[in-house]
Amino acid sequence: MARGFYNRGAVDPSWKRVRWLLSTSTEPAFFIEDLTQSPFNIGLRVETGAFGTEEVSTLARRHGLFLDAGIVKRILDYVGGHPYLTHVLLYYMAVDLESPERLFDVGTAGTP
């Protein structure tokens, strides 16, 4: 379907104005057996790198968290700057302000 909509833009002016953004947190090839039929090999590929201090601080503020440099560094060390993992960690920090230290405890990771 994504490929069909994208291809319509070549012949239909109203579809030419439509922009699509498909995002994955892994390689799209893992989802597709025949890469020549992939909806992901259209348009431009945009890769995001690992988050740095500024990106983590900005995302934290958008979650209502105002973190000091030590906590930001700890987040970067814990998730390696991975954008999705950073988002998940900050989300849980925002919804459970009483026990943020528990999020960094490998022994309790994944338990409510």
PDB file of N, CA and C in Angstrom:
ATOM      1  N   MET A   1       0.823  -1.171   0.000  1.00  0.00           N
ATOM      2  CA  MET A   1       0.000   0.000   0.000  1.00  0.00           C
ATOM      3  C   MET A   1       0.882   1.255   0.000  1.00  0.00           C
ATOM      4  N   ALA A   2       1.930   1.260   0.821  1.00  0.00           N
ATOM      5  CA  ALA A   2       2.813   2.420   0.875  1.00  0.00           C
ATOM      6  C   ALA A   2       3.438   2.680  -0.488  1.00  0.00           C
ATOM      7  N   ARG A   3       3.874   1.611  -1.159  1.00  0.00           N
ATOM      8  CA  ARG A   3       4.461   1.777  -2.486  1.00  0.00           C
ATOM      9  C   ARG A   3       3.430   2.318  -3.479  1.00  0.00           C
ATOM     10  N   GLY A   4       2.212   1.826  -3.419  1.00  0.00           N
ATOM     11  CA  GLY A   4       1.162   2.297  -4.327  1.00  0.00           C
ATOM     12  C   GLY A   4       0.878   3.779  -4.145  1.00  0.00           C
ATOM     13  N   PHE A   5       0.775   4.209  -2.902  1.00  0.00           N
ATOM     14  CA  PHE A   5       0.544   5.629  -2.634  1.00  0.00           C
ATOM     15  C   PHE A   5       1.719   6.469  -3.112  1.00  0.00           C
ATOM     16  N   TYR A   6       2.925   5.976  -2.868  1.00  0.00           N
ATOM     17  CA  TYR A   6       4.123   6.707  -3.290  1.00  0.00           C
ATOM     18  C   TYR A   6       4.154   6.841  -4.822  1.00  0.00           C
ATOM     19  N   ASN A   7       3.855   5.744  -5.519  1.00  0.00           N
ATOM     20  CA  ASN A   7       3.885   5.758  -6.986  1.00  0.00           C
ATOM     21  C   ASN A   7       2.797   6.643  -7.586  1.00  0.00           C
ATOM     22  N   ARG A   8       1.668   6.785  -6.911  1.00  0.00           N
ATOM     23  CA  ARG A   8       0.620   7.669  -7.411  1.00  0.00           C
ATOM     24  C   ARG A   8       1.097   9.110  -7.524  1.00  0.00           C
ATOM     25  N   GLY A   9       2.042   9.484  -6.680  1.00  0.00           N
ATOM     26  CA  GLY A   9       2.584  10.834  -6.716  1.00  0.00           C
ATOM     27  C   GLY A   9       3.263  11.163  -8.026  1.00  0.00           C
ATOM     28  N   ALA A  10       3.697  10.144  -8.775  1.00  0.00           N
ATOM     29  CA  ALA A  10       4.349  10.376 -10.060  1.00  0.00           C
ATOM     30  C   ALA A  10       3.353  10.789 -11.147  1.00  0.00           C
ATOM     31  N   VAL A  11       2.065  10.450 -10.960  1.00  0.00           N
ATOM     32  CA  VAL A  11       1.081  10.738 -12.010  1.00  0.00           C
ATOM     33  C   VAL A  11      -0.071  11.624 -11.554  1.00  0.00           C
ATOM     34  N   ASP A  12      -0.299  11.728 -10.261  1.00  0.00           N
ATOM     35  CA  ASP A  12      -1.436  12.485  -9.742  1.00  0.00           C
ATOM     36  C   ASP A  12      -0.924  13.656  -8.898  1.00  0.00           C
ATOM     37  N   PRO A  13      -1.180  14.906  -9.337  1.00  0.00           N
ATOM     38  CA  PRO A  13      -0.662  16.068  -8.606  1.00  0.00           C
ATOM     39  C   PRO A  13      -1.105  16.136  -7.148  1.00  0.00           C
ATOM     40  N   SER A  14      -2.314  15.681  -6.828  1.00  0.00           N
ATOM     41  CA  SER A  14      -2.764  15.741  -5.437  1.00  0.00           C
ATOM     42  C   SER A  14      -1.978  14.767  -4.558  1.00  0.00           C
ATOM     43  N   TRP A  15      -1.581  13.626  -5.100  1.00  0.00           N
ATOM     44  CA  TRP A  15      -0.782  12.669  -4.334  1.00  0.00           C
ATOM     45  C   TRP A  15       0.681  13.090  -4.259  1.00  0.00           C
ATOM     46  N   LYS A  16       1.132  13.923  -5.188  1.00  0.00           N
ATOM     47  CA  LYS A  16       2.510  14.382  -5.184  1.00  0.00           C
ATOM     48  C   LYS A  16       2.818  15.203  -3.932  1.00  0.00           C
ATOM     49  N   ARG A  17       1.801  15.849  -3.364  1.00  0.00           N
ATOM     50  CA  ARG A  17       1.992  16.686  -2.176  1.00  0.00           C
ATOM     51  C   ARG A  17       2.020  15.890  -0.880  1.00  0.00           C
ATOM     52  N   VAL A  18       1.622  14.631  -0.916  1.00  0.00           N
ATOM     53  CA  VAL A  18       1.586  13.800   0.283  1.00  0.00           C
ATOM     54  C   VAL A  18       2.999  13.318   0.613  1.00  0.00           C
ATOM     55  N   ARG A  19       3.377  13.431   1.865  1.00  0.00           N
ATOM     56  CA  ARG A  19       4.677  12.953   2.331  1.00  0.00           C
ATOM     57  C   ARG A  19       4.455  11.878   3.378  1.00  0.00           C
ATOM     58  N   TRP A  20       5.223  10.813   3.293  1.00  0.00           N
ATOM     59  CA  TRP A  20       5.101   9.688   4.205  1.00  0.00           C
ATOM     60  C   TRP A  20       6.390   9.540   4.983  1.00  0.00           C
ATOM     61  N   LEU A  21       6.268   9.168   6.220  1.00  0.00           N
ATOM     62  CA  LEU A  21       7.424   8.866   7.045  1.00  0.00           C
ATOM     63  C   LEU A  21       7.189   7.507   7.686  1.00  0.00           C
ATOM     64  N   LEU A  22       8.005   6.543   7.304  1.00  0.00           N
ATOM     65  CA  LEU A  22       7.949   5.208   7.893  1.00  0.00           C
ATOM     66  C   LEU A  22       9.153   5.080   8.812  1.00  0.00           C
ATOM     67  N   SER A  23       8.914   4.636  10.006  1.00  0.00           N
ATOM     68  CA  SER A  23       9.999   4.568  10.983  1.00  0.00           C
ATOM     69  C   SER A  23      10.049   3.192  11.614  1.00  0.00           C
ATOM     70  N   THR A  24      11.258   2.681  11.784  1.00  0.00           N
ATOM     71  CA  THR A  24      11.455   1.420  12.497  1.00  0.00           C
ATOM     72  C   THR A  24      12.610   1.608  13.460  1.00  0.00           C
ATOM     73  N   SER A  25      12.663   0.764  14.456  1.00  0.00           N
ATOM     74  CA  SER A  25      13.781   0.824  15.388  1.00  0.00           C
ATOM     75  C   SER A  25      14.779  -0.297  15.110  1.00  0.00           C
ATOM     76  N   THR A  26      14.638  -0.935  13.986  1.00  0.00           N
ATOM     77  CA  THR A  26      15.556  -1.990  13.568  1.00  0.00           C
ATOM     78  C   THR A  26      15.692  -1.924  12.055  1.00  0.00           C
ATOM     79  N   GLU A  27      16.409  -2.822  11.467  1.00  0.00           N
ATOM     80  CA  GLU A  27      16.580  -2.837  10.025  1.00  0.00           C
ATOM     81  C   GLU A  27      15.301  -3.334   9.353  1.00  0.00           C
ATOM     82  N   PRO A  28      14.756  -2.587   8.378  1.00  0.00           N
ATOM     83  CA  PRO A  28      13.543  -3.031   7.679  1.00  0.00           C
ATOM     84  C   PRO A  28      13.708  -4.380   7.003  1.00  0.00           C
ATOM     85  N   ALA A  29      14.931  -4.747   6.616  1.00  0.00           N
ATOM     86  CA  ALA A  29      15.158  -6.020   5.942  1.00  0.00           C
ATOM     87  C   ALA A  29      14.741  -7.211   6.792  1.00  0.00           C
ATOM     88  N   PHE A  30      14.713  -7.047   8.127  1.00  0.00           N
ATOM     89  CA  PHE A  30      14.292  -8.139   8.985  1.00  0.00           C
ATOM     90  C   PHE A  30      12.818  -8.488   8.784  1.00  0.00           C
ATOM     91  N   PHE A  31      12.026  -7.562   8.254  1.00  0.00           N
ATOM     92  CA  PHE A  31      10.594  -7.774   8.061  1.00  0.00           C
ATOM     93  C   PHE A  31      10.252  -8.316   6.682  1.00  0.00           C
ATOM     94  N   ILE A  32      11.191  -8.308   5.753  1.00  0.00           N
ATOM     95  CA  ILE A  32      10.892  -8.548   4.344  1.00  0.00           C
ATOM     96  C   ILE A  32      11.757  -9.674   3.790  1.00  0.00           C
ATOM     97  N   GLU A  33      11.120 -10.610   3.127  1.00  0.00           N
ATOM     98  CA  GLU A  33      11.874 -11.703   2.520  1.00  0.00           C
ATOM     99  C   GLU A  33      12.421 -11.307   1.150  1.00  0.00           C
ATOM    100  N   ASP A  34      11.624 -10.616   0.327  1.00  0.00           N
ATOM    101  CA  ASP A  34      12.031 -10.228  -1.017  1.00  0.00           C
ATOM    102  C   ASP A  34      12.243  -8.717  -1.039  1.00  0.00           C
ATOM    103  N   LEU A  35      13.492  -8.270  -0.965  1.00  0.00           N
ATOM    104  CA  LEU A  35      13.790  -6.845  -0.878  1.00  0.00           C
ATOM    105  C   LEU A  35      13.396  -6.066  -2.119  1.00  0.00           C
ATOM    106  N   THR A  36      13.190  -6.753  -3.270  1.00  0.00           N
ATOM    107  CA  THR A  36      12.763  -6.030  -4.475  1.00  0.00           C
ATOM    108  C   THR A  36      11.288  -5.634  -4.390  1.00  0.00           C
ATOM    109  N   GLN A  37      10.560  -6.222  -3.463  1.00  0.00           N
ATOM    110  CA  GLN A  37       9.140  -5.920  -3.281  1.00  0.00           C
ATOM    111  C   GLN A  37       8.884  -5.114  -2.012  1.00  0.00           C
ATOM    112  N   SER A  38       9.919  -4.563  -1.445  1.00  0.00           N
ATOM    113  CA  SER A  38       9.812  -3.860  -0.174  1.00  0.00           C
ATOM    114  C   SER A  38       9.185  -2.484  -0.323  1.00  0.00           C
ATOM    115  N   PRO A  39       8.270  -2.107   0.584  1.00  0.00           N
ATOM    116  CA  PRO A  39       7.759  -0.734   0.572  1.00  0.00           C
ATOM    117  C   PRO A  39       8.778   0.245   1.143  1.00  0.00           C
ATOM    118  N   PHE A  40       9.879  -0.272   1.700  1.00  0.00           N
ATOM    119  CA  PHE A  40      10.871   0.579   2.339  1.00  0.00           C
ATOM    120  C   PHE A  40      11.945   1.081   1.381  1.00  0.00           C
ATOM    121  N   ASN A  41      11.982   0.584   0.147  1.00  0.00           N
ATOM    122  CA  ASN A  41      13.024   1.044  -0.762  1.00  0.00           C
ATOM    123  C   ASN A  41      12.494   2.120  -1.718  1.00  0.00           C
ATOM    124  N   ILE A  42      11.647   2.985  -1.193  1.00  0.00           N
ATOM    125  CA  ILE A  42      11.146   4.127  -1.942  1.00  0.00           C
ATOM    126  C   ILE A  42      11.557   5.392  -1.208  1.00  0.00           C
ATOM    127  N   GLY A  43      11.633   6.486  -1.916  1.00  0.00           N
ATOM    128  CA  GLY A  43      11.928   7.764  -1.274  1.00  0.00           C
ATOM    129  C   GLY A  43      13.355   7.846  -0.766  1.00  0.00           C
ATOM    130  N   LEU A  44      13.550   8.648   0.253  1.00  0.00           N
ATOM    131  CA  LEU A  44      14.864   8.880   0.842  1.00  0.00           C
ATOM    132  C   LEU A  44      14.999   8.141   2.164  1.00  0.00           C
ATOM    133  N   ARG A  45      16.164   7.606   2.400  1.00  0.00           N
ATOM    134  CA  ARG A  45      16.430   6.934   3.667  1.00  0.00           C
ATOM    135  C   ARG A  45      17.068   7.944   4.615  1.00  0.00           C
ATOM    136  N   VAL A  46      16.518   8.040   5.799  1.00  0.00           N
ATOM    137  CA  VAL A  46      17.052   8.941   6.817  1.00  0.00           C
ATOM    138  C   VAL A  46      17.430   8.092   8.015  1.00  0.00           C
ATOM    139  N   GLU A  47      18.694   8.105   8.370  1.00  0.00           N
ATOM    140  CA  GLU A  47      19.149   7.341   9.527  1.00  0.00           C
ATOM    141  C   GLU A  47      19.450   8.298  10.662  1.00  0.00           C
ATOM    142  N   THR A  48      19.012   7.920  11.844  1.00  0.00           N
ATOM    143  CA  THR A  48      19.334   8.723  13.013  1.00  0.00           C
ATOM    144  C   THR A  48      20.458   8.036  13.765  1.00  0.00           C
ATOM    145  N   GLY A  49      21.332   8.836  14.288  1.00  0.00           N
ATOM    146  CA  GLY A  49      22.421   8.290  15.083  1.00  0.00           C
ATOM    147  C   GLY A  49      22.033   8.245  16.547  1.00  0.00           C
ATOM    148  N   ALA A  50      22.981   7.881  17.348  1.00  0.00           N
ATOM    149  CA  ALA A  50      22.747   7.829  18.787  1.00  0.00           C
ATOM    150  C   ALA A  50      22.545   9.238  19.337  1.00  0.00           C
ATOM    151  N   PHE A  51      21.698   9.345  20.345  1.00  0.00           N
ATOM    152  CA  PHE A  51      21.479  10.626  21.004  1.00  0.00           C
ATOM    153  C   PHE A  51      22.722  11.034  21.780  1.00  0.00           C
ATOM    154  N   GLY A  52      22.918  12.331  21.841  1.00  0.00           N
ATOM    155  CA  GLY A  52      23.958  12.902  22.677  1.00  0.00           C
ATOM    156  C   GLY A  52      23.320  13.606  23.865  1.00  0.00           C
ATOM    157  N   THR A  53      24.129  14.312  24.614  1.00  0.00           N
ATOM    158  CA  THR A  53      23.666  15.007  25.815  1.00  0.00           C
ATOM    159  C   THR A  53      22.527  15.979  25.514  1.00  0.00           C
ATOM    160  N   GLU A  54      22.670  16.759  24.461  1.00  0.00           N
ATOM    161  CA  GLU A  54      21.659  17.768  24.141  1.00  0.00           C
ATOM    162  C   GLU A  54      20.321  17.134  23.763  1.00  0.00           C
ATOM    163  N   GLU A  55      20.365  16.070  22.954  1.00  0.00           N
ATOM    164  CA  GLU A  55      19.115  15.406  22.550  1.00  0.00           C
ATOM    165  C   GLU A  55      18.409  14.775  23.748  1.00  0.00           C
ATOM    166  N   VAL A  56      19.166  14.158  24.643  1.00  0.00           N
ATOM    167  CA  VAL A  56      18.565  13.554  25.835  1.00  0.00           C
ATOM    168  C   VAL A  56      17.955  14.636  26.718  1.00  0.00           C
ATOM    169  N   SER A  57      18.658  15.731  26.907  1.00  0.00           N
ATOM    170  CA  SER A  57      18.130  16.830  27.733  1.00  0.00           C
ATOM    171  C   SER A  57      16.864  17.415  27.137  1.00  0.00           C
ATOM    172  N   THR A  58      16.854  17.613  25.821  1.00  0.00           N
ATOM    173  CA  THR A  58      15.669  18.156  25.146  1.00  0.00           C
ATOM    174  C   THR A  58      14.483  17.214  25.280  1.00  0.00           C
ATOM    175  N   LEU A  59      14.709  15.920  25.042  1.00  0.00           N
ATOM    176  CA  LEU A  59      13.627  14.946  25.149  1.00  0.00           C
ATOM    177  C   LEU A  59      13.134  14.848  26.591  1.00  0.00           C
ATOM    178  N   ALA A  60      14.037  14.935  27.540  1.00  0.00           N
ATOM    179  CA  ALA A  60      13.639  14.897  28.954  1.00  0.00           C
ATOM    180  C   ALA A  60      12.726  16.080  29.277  1.00  0.00           C
ATOM    181  N   ARG A  61      13.095  17.273  28.811  1.00  0.00           N
ATOM    182  CA  ARG A  61      12.252  18.451  29.058  1.00  0.00           C
ATOM    183  C   ARG A  61      10.870  18.280  28.439  1.00  0.00           C
ATOM    184  N   ARG A  62      10.805  17.644  27.278  1.00  0.00           N
ATOM    185  CA  ARG A  62       9.501  17.403  26.636  1.00  0.00           C
ATOM    186  C   ARG A  62       8.656  16.409  27.429  1.00  0.00           C
ATOM    187  N   HIS A  63       9.302  15.625  28.268  1.00  0.00           N
ATOM    188  CA  HIS A  63       8.591  14.717  29.177  1.00  0.00           C
ATOM    189  C   HIS A  63       8.331  15.379  30.528  1.00  0.00           C
ATOM    190  N   GLY A  64       8.706  16.659  30.650  1.00  0.00           N
ATOM    191  CA  GLY A  64       8.495  17.369  31.911  1.00  0.00           C
ATOM    192  C   GLY A  64       9.575  17.107  32.937  1.00  0.00           C
ATOM    193  N   LEU A  65      10.706  16.572  32.492  1.00  0.00           N
ATOM    194  CA  LEU A  65      11.818  16.254  33.391  1.00  0.00           C
ATOM    195  C   LEU A  65      12.942  17.259  33.173  1.00  0.00           C
ATOM    196  N   PHE A  66      13.469  17.782  34.248  1.00  0.00           N
ATOM    197  CA  PHE A  66      14.601  18.700  34.177  1.00  0.00           C
ATOM    198  C   PHE A  66      15.753  18.025  34.911  1.00  0.00           C
ATOM    199  N   LEU A  67      16.615  17.374  34.129  1.00  0.00           N
ATOM    200  CA  LEU A  67      17.647  16.499  34.682  1.00  0.00           C
ATOM    201  C   LEU A  67      18.996  17.193  34.727  1.00  0.00           C
ATOM    202  N   ASP A  68      19.762  16.889  35.771  1.00  0.00           N
ATOM    203  CA  ASP A  68      21.113  17.448  35.838  1.00  0.00           C
ATOM    204  C   ASP A  68      22.036  16.639  34.931  1.00  0.00           C
ATOM    205  N   ALA A  69      23.221  17.172  34.698  1.00  0.00           N
ATOM    206  CA  ALA A  69      24.162  16.565  33.761  1.00  0.00           C
ATOM    207  C   ALA A  69      24.545  15.144  34.170  1.00  0.00           C
ATOM    208  N   GLY A  70      24.593  14.870  35.472  1.00  0.00           N
ATOM    209  CA  GLY A  70      24.952  13.528  35.938  1.00  0.00           C
ATOM    210  C   GLY A  70      23.928  12.478  35.540  1.00  0.00           C
ATOM    211  N   ILE A  71      22.658  12.802  35.671  1.00  0.00           N
ATOM    212  CA  ILE A  71      21.599  11.852  35.288  1.00  0.00           C
ATOM    213  C   ILE A  71      21.574  11.670  33.775  1.00  0.00           C
ATOM    214  N   VAL A  72      21.761  12.756  33.023  1.00  0.00           N
ATOM    215  CA  VAL A  72      21.792  12.651  31.556  1.00  0.00           C
ATOM    216  C   VAL A  72      22.930  11.722  31.133  1.00  0.00           C
ATOM    217  N   LYS A  73      24.096  11.875  31.741  1.00  0.00           N
ATOM    218  CA  LYS A  73      25.224  10.988  31.420  1.00  0.00           C
ATOM    219  C   LYS A  73      24.899   9.548  31.792  1.00  0.00           C
ATOM    220  N   ARG A  74      24.241   9.362  32.907  1.00  0.00           N
ATOM    221  CA  ARG A  74      23.873   8.011  33.330  1.00  0.00           C
ATOM    222  C   ARG A  74      22.909   7.367  32.330  1.00  0.00           C
ATOM    223  N   ILE A  75      21.952   8.159  31.832  1.00  0.00           N
ATOM    224  CA  ILE A  75      21.018   7.656  30.816  1.00  0.00           C
ATOM    225  C   ILE A  75      21.783   7.259  29.559  1.00  0.00           C
ATOM    226  N   LEU A  76      22.688   8.119  29.114  1.00  0.00           N
ATOM    227  CA  LEU A  76      23.479   7.819  27.917  1.00  0.00           C
ATOM    228  C   LEU A  76      24.308   6.551  28.103  1.00  0.00           C
ATOM    229  N   ASP A  77      24.905   6.389  29.259  1.00  0.00           N
ATOM    230  CA  ASP A  77      25.696   5.188  29.527  1.00  0.00           C
ATOM    231  C   ASP A  77      24.815   3.945  29.577  1.00  0.00           C
ATOM    232  N   TYR A  78      23.625   4.081  30.128  1.00  0.00           N
ATOM    233  CA  TYR A  78      22.735   2.932  30.335  1.00  0.00           C
ATOM    234  C   TYR A  78      22.150   2.409  29.026  1.00  0.00           C
ATOM    235  N   VAL A  79      21.696   3.334  28.146  1.00  0.00           N
ATOM    236  CA  VAL A  79      21.044   2.899  26.901  1.00  0.00           C
ATOM    237  C   VAL A  79      21.909   3.122  25.667  1.00  0.00           C
ATOM    238  N   GLY A  80      23.118   3.634  25.866  1.00  0.00           N
ATOM    239  CA  GLY A  80      24.026   3.820  24.739  1.00  0.00           C
ATOM    240  C   GLY A  80      23.575   4.892  23.760  1.00  0.00           C
ATOM    241  N   GLY A  81      22.679   5.769  24.177  1.00  0.00           N
ATOM    242  CA  GLY A  81      22.201   6.827  23.295  1.00  0.00           C
ATOM    243  C   GLY A  81      21.148   6.372  22.295  1.00  0.00           C
ATOM    244  N   HIS A  82      20.710   5.120  22.379  1.00  0.00           N
ATOM    245  CA  HIS A  82      19.709   4.600  21.443  1.00  0.00           C
ATOM    246  C   HIS A  82      18.427   5.421  21.584  1.00  0.00           C
ATOM    247  N   PRO A  83      17.945   6.054  20.497  1.00  0.00           N
ATOM    248  CA  PRO A  83      16.787   6.957  20.601  1.00  0.00           C
ATOM    249  C   PRO A  83      15.536   6.323  21.197  1.00  0.00           C
ATOM    250  N   TYR A  84      15.165   5.121  20.752  1.00  0.00           N
ATOM    251  CA  TYR A  84      13.944   4.500  21.264  1.00  0.00           C
ATOM    252  C   TYR A  84      14.085   4.140  22.741  1.00  0.00           C
ATOM    253  N   LEU A  85      15.216   3.544  23.107  1.00  0.00           N
ATOM    254  CA  LEU A  85      15.415   3.163  24.505  1.00  0.00           C
ATOM    255  C   LEU A  85      15.471   4.390  25.407  1.00  0.00           C
ATOM    256  N   THR A  86      16.062   5.469  24.900  1.00  0.00           N
ATOM    257  CA  THR A  86      16.090   6.722  25.663  1.00  0.00           C
ATOM    258  C   THR A  86      14.679   7.217  25.908  1.00  0.00           C
ATOM    259  N   HIS A  87      13.851   7.183  24.864  1.00  0.00           N
ATOM    260  CA  HIS A  87      12.462   7.617  24.994  1.00  0.00           C
ATOM    261  C   HIS A  87      11.724   6.780  26.031  1.00  0.00           C
ATOM    262  N   VAL A  88      11.879   5.461  25.970  1.00  0.00           N
ATOM    263  CA  VAL A  88      11.182   4.574  26.904  1.00  0.00           C
ATOM    264  C   VAL A  88      11.628   4.857  28.342  1.00  0.00           C
ATOM    265  N   LEU A  89      12.922   4.994  28.550  1.00  0.00           N
ATOM    266  CA  LEU A  89      13.433   5.257  29.889  1.00  0.00           C
ATOM    267  C   LEU A  89      12.906   6.591  30.420  1.00  0.00           C
ATOM    268  N   LEU A  90      12.933   7.629  29.597  1.00  0.00           N
ATOM    269  CA  LEU A  90      12.427   8.935  30.036  1.00  0.00           C
ATOM    270  C   LEU A  90      10.921   8.899  30.293  1.00  0.00           C
ATOM    271  N   TYR A  91      10.199   8.148  29.485  1.00  0.00           N
ATOM    272  CA  TYR A  91       8.756   8.011  29.712  1.00  0.00           C
ATOM    273  C   TYR A  91       8.495   7.422  31.098  1.00  0.00           C
ATOM    274  N   TYR A  92       9.188   6.322  31.412  1.00  0.00           N
ATOM    275  CA  TYR A  92       8.972   5.696  32.712  1.00  0.00           C
ATOM    276  C   TYR A  92       9.451   6.575  33.854  1.00  0.00           C
ATOM    277  N   MET A  93      10.487   7.358  33.625  1.00  0.00           N
ATOM    278  CA  MET A  93      10.914   8.302  34.653  1.00  0.00           C
ATOM    279  C   MET A  93       9.836   9.357  34.878  1.00  0.00           C
ATOM    280  N   ALA A  94       9.170   9.777  33.815  1.00  0.00           N
ATOM    281  CA  ALA A  94       8.145  10.816  33.924  1.00  0.00           C
ATOM    282  C   ALA A  94       6.879  10.312  34.610  1.00  0.00           C
ATOM    283  N   VAL A  95       6.497   9.060  34.376  1.00  0.00           N
ATOM    284  CA  VAL A  95       5.254   8.560  34.961  1.00  0.00           C
ATOM    285  C   VAL A  95       5.442   7.981  36.357  1.00  0.00           C
ATOM    286  N   ASP A  96       6.676   7.682  36.745  1.00  0.00           N
ATOM    287  CA  ASP A  96       6.931   7.096  38.056  1.00  0.00           C
ATOM    288  C   ASP A  96       8.069   7.853  38.727  1.00  0.00           C
ATOM    289  N   LEU A  97       7.803   9.093  39.112  1.00  0.00           N
ATOM    290  CA  LEU A  97       8.833   9.956  39.669  1.00  0.00           C
ATOM    291  C   LEU A  97       9.342   9.489  41.030  1.00  0.00           C
ATOM    292  N   GLU A  98       8.596   8.629  41.687  1.00  0.00           N
ATOM    293  CA  GLU A  98       8.989   8.200  43.029  1.00  0.00           C
ATOM    294  C   GLU A  98      10.162   7.229  43.035  1.00  0.00           C
ATOM    295  N   SER A  99      10.353   6.463  41.954  1.00  0.00           N
ATOM    296  CA  SER A  99      11.420   5.462  41.980  1.00  0.00           C
ATOM    297  C   SER A  99      12.253   5.438  40.693  1.00  0.00           C
ATOM    298  N   PRO A 100      12.830   6.570  40.265  1.00  0.00           N
ATOM    299  CA  PRO A 100      13.632   6.538  39.036  1.00  0.00           C
ATOM    300  C   PRO A 100      14.884   5.673  39.161  1.00  0.00           C
ATOM    301  N   GLU A 101      15.415   5.526  40.369  1.00  0.00           N
ATOM    302  CA  GLU A 101      16.615   4.696  40.543  1.00  0.00           C
ATOM    303  C   GLU A 101      16.355   3.243  40.172  1.00  0.00           C
ATOM    304  N   ARG A 102      15.135   2.791  40.384  1.00  0.00           N
ATOM    305  CA  ARG A 102      14.785   1.403  40.076  1.00  0.00           C
ATOM    306  C   ARG A 102      14.931   1.109  38.581  1.00  0.00           C
ATOM    307  N   LEU A 103      14.768   2.148  37.746  1.00  0.00           N
ATOM    308  CA  LEU A 103      14.879   1.964  36.298  1.00  0.00           C
ATOM    309  C   LEU A 103      16.302   1.625  35.876  1.00  0.00           C
ATOM    310  N   PHE A 104      17.281   2.020  36.674  1.00  0.00           N
ATOM    311  CA  PHE A 104      18.670   1.744  36.347  1.00  0.00           C
ATOM    312  C   PHE A 104      19.178   0.458  36.980  1.00  0.00           C
ATOM    313  N   ASP A 105      18.350  -0.216  37.725  1.00  0.00           N
ATOM    314  CA  ASP A 105      18.746  -1.443  38.411  1.00  0.00           C
ATOM    315  C   ASP A 105      18.533  -2.626  37.481  1.00  0.00           C
ATOM    316  N   VAL A 106      19.623  -3.210  37.005  1.00  0.00           N
ATOM    317  CA  VAL A 106      19.540  -4.324  36.059  1.00  0.00           C
ATOM    318  C   VAL A 106      18.800  -5.508  36.674  1.00  0.00           C
ATOM    319  N   GLY A 107      18.901  -5.694  37.962  1.00  0.00           N
ATOM    320  CA  GLY A 107      18.239  -6.821  38.632  1.00  0.00           C
ATOM    321  C   GLY A 107      16.726  -6.732  38.617  1.00  0.00           C
ATOM    322  N   THR A 108      16.176  -5.506  38.567  1.00  0.00           N
ATOM    323  CA  THR A 108      14.716  -5.352  38.559  1.00  0.00           C
ATOM    324  C   THR A 108      14.187  -4.920  37.199  1.00  0.00           C
ATOM    325  N   ALA A 109      15.042  -4.846  36.191  1.00  0.00           N
ATOM    326  CA  ALA A 109      14.601  -4.411  34.866  1.00  0.00           C
ATOM    327  C   ALA A 109      13.494  -5.324  34.354  1.00  0.00           C
ATOM    328  N   GLY A 110      12.443  -4.707  33.858  1.00  0.00           N
ATOM    329  CA  GLY A 110      11.328  -5.456  33.295  1.00  0.00           C
ATOM    330  C   GLY A 110      10.291  -5.889  34.297  1.00  0.00           C
ATOM    331  N   THR A 111      10.460  -5.572  35.584  1.00  0.00           N
ATOM    332  CA  THR A 111       9.452  -5.940  36.572  1.00  0.00           C
ATOM    333  C   THR A 111       8.740  -4.679  37.046  1.00  0.00           C
ATOM    334  N   PRO A 112       7.422  -4.764  37.225  1.00  0.00           N
ATOM    335  CA  PRO A 112       6.665  -3.573  37.663  1.00  0.00           C
ATOM    336  C   PRO A 112       6.931  -3.203  39.089  1.00  0.00           C
TER     337      PRO A 112
END
